[in-house]
Amino acid sequence: QLQASGGGLVQPGGSLRLSCAGSGRTFSTYAWFRQAPGKEREFVAGIRASGSTTRYADSVRGRFTISKNNDLQMNSLKPEDTAVYYCAASSRSLIWSTLASENAYDYWGQGTLVTVSS
């Protein structure tokens, strides 16, 4: 029920904006996860739709910004940001401690590939 878009090839230091469409449905919490080649999927950023609570992985804090409509603005991209990015959503308003938990999300997009390379 989610459709992620906006991925592509970008040079180190560049920017990309990922979007996540929800087929007209609204949710209470949104998030982005990513999976790099050969690695497990990891949390990137999460936000309650009210905007009252956000959480970021240490590796992206200060460079990535998640918005209330689940767009993910990625600045100062690094080669280690290369991954398939997945958007996720929950019908519940998750608390900060559960924002990073994959199991807390009921709906997932298909993933969009971000490649950071010169």
Protein backbone atom coordinates (compact mmCIF):
# COMPACT_ATOMS: atom_id res chain seq x y z
CA GLN A 1 0.00 0.00 0.00
CA LEU A 2 3.05 2.27 -0.01
CA GLN A 3 5.02 3.39 -3.03
CA ALA A 4 8.56 4.69 -2.55
CA SER A 5 10.23 6.83 -5.20
CA GLY A 6 13.06 9.29 -5.73
CA GLY A 7 16.09 7.04 -5.65
CA GLY A 8 18.94 7.26 -8.11
CA LEU A 9 22.64 7.81 -8.62
CA VAL A 10 24.22 10.80 -6.90
CA GLN A 11 27.79 11.92 -6.27
CA PRO A 12 29.21 12.10 -2.75
CA GLY A 13 28.12 15.32 -1.10
CA GLY A 14 24.98 15.49 -3.20
CA SER A 15 21.33 15.42 -2.22
CA LEU A 16 18.24 13.36 -2.97
CA ARG A 17 14.65 13.51 -1.80
CA LEU A 18 12.70 10.29 -1.36
CA SER A 19 8.91 10.24 -1.34
CA CYS A 20 6.44 7.68 -0.06
CA ALA A 21 2.90 7.66 -1.42
CA GLY A 22 0.20 5.99 0.64
CA SER A 23 -2.54 5.39 -1.92
CA GLY A 24 -4.67 8.12 -0.39
CA ARG A 25 -4.56 6.66 3.08
CA THR A 26 -3.08 8.50 6.06
CA PHE A 27 -1.14 6.86 8.86
CA SER A 28 -0.09 7.84 12.37
CA THR A 29 3.63 7.05 12.14
CA TYR A 30 6.06 6.93 9.23
CA ALA A 31 9.61 5.74 8.86
CA TRP A 32 12.42 4.89 6.50
CA PHE A 33 14.69 1.87 6.69
CA ARG A 34 17.53 0.86 4.38
CA GLN A 35 19.39 -2.26 3.41
CA ALA A 36 22.90 -2.13 2.00
CA PRO A 37 24.32 -5.02 -0.04
CA GLY A 38 25.23 -7.91 2.23
CA LYS A 39 23.84 -6.22 5.33
CA GLU A 40 20.68 -6.41 7.39
CA ARG A 41 17.97 -3.81 7.03
CA GLU A 42 18.46 -0.90 9.43
CA PHE A 43 16.44 2.01 10.73
CA VAL A 44 17.08 5.44 9.21
CA ALA A 45 14.44 7.87 10.47
CA GLY A 46 10.94 7.90 11.93
CA ILE A 47 8.26 10.48 12.69
CA ARG A 48 4.80 10.63 14.17
CA ALA A 49 2.38 12.21 11.69
CA SER A 50 1.68 14.98 14.19
CA GLY A 51 5.36 15.93 13.98
CA SER A 52 5.66 15.75 17.75
CA THR A 53 8.25 12.97 17.77
CA THR A 54 11.15 12.22 15.45
CA ARG A 55 14.07 9.86 15.65
CA TYR A 56 17.17 9.41 13.52
CA ALA A 57 19.92 6.86 13.29
CA ASP A 58 23.22 8.26 14.52
CA SER A 59 24.74 7.74 11.07
CA VAL A 60 22.29 10.14 9.38
CA ARG A 61 21.46 12.68 12.09
CA GLY A 62 22.15 16.21 10.88
CA ARG A 63 22.18 15.13 7.22
CA PHE A 64 18.74 13.57 6.71
CA THR A 65 15.35 15.10 7.50
CA ILE A 66 12.05 13.22 7.60
CA SER A 67 8.86 15.18 7.09
CA LYS A 68 5.31 14.57 8.34
CA ASN A 69 4.24 13.30 4.91
CA ASN A 70 7.12 10.80 4.99
CA ASP A 71 9.43 12.46 2.52
CA LEU A 72 13.09 11.92 3.33
CA GLN A 73 15.46 14.74 2.42
CA MET A 74 19.01 13.40 2.23
CA ASN A 75 21.90 15.87 2.12
CA SER A 76 25.67 15.46 2.23
CA LEU A 77 25.34 11.92 0.95
CA LYS A 78 28.20 9.49 1.48
CA PRO A 79 29.10 6.25 -0.31
CA GLU A 80 28.07 4.36 2.82
CA ASP A 81 24.51 5.66 2.34
CA THR A 82 24.21 3.41 -0.71
CA ALA A 83 21.30 1.05 -0.10
CA VAL A 84 17.75 0.15 -0.99
CA TYR A 85 15.53 2.49 0.99
CA TYR A 86 12.14 1.31 2.24
CA CYS A 87 9.33 3.47 3.54
CA ALA A 88 7.10 2.12 6.27
CA ALA A 89 3.97 3.22 8.09
CA SER A 90 1.90 2.33 11.10
CA SER A 91 -1.71 3.06 11.95
CA ARG A 92 -0.59 3.61 15.55
CA SER A 93 1.14 6.65 17.05
CA LEU A 94 4.37 5.01 18.11
CA ILE A 95 6.42 6.24 21.02
CA TRP A 96 10.05 7.23 20.57
CA SER A 97 11.44 3.94 21.87
CA THR A 98 9.60 1.90 19.21
CA LEU A 99 10.16 4.13 16.18
CA ALA A 100 13.24 2.15 15.19
CA SER A 101 11.59 -1.26 15.43
CA GLU A 102 10.69 -2.93 12.14
CA ASN A 103 8.03 -4.99 13.86
CA ALA A 104 6.11 -1.84 14.81
CA TYR A 105 5.22 -1.08 11.19
CA ASP A 106 2.32 -2.69 9.37
CA TYR A 107 2.81 -1.31 5.88
CA TRP A 108 5.89 -1.27 3.66
CA GLY A 109 6.86 0.11 0.29
CA GLN A 110 8.75 -1.86 -2.33
CA GLY A 111 12.06 -0.01 -1.93
CA THR A 112 13.98 2.49 -4.01
CA LEU A 113 17.70 2.22 -4.75
CA VAL A 114 20.05 5.02 -3.75
CA THR A 115 23.60 4.82 -5.07
CA VAL A 116 26.22 7.31 -3.91
CA SER A 117 29.26 7.12 -6.12
CA SER A 118 31.63 9.29 -8.10
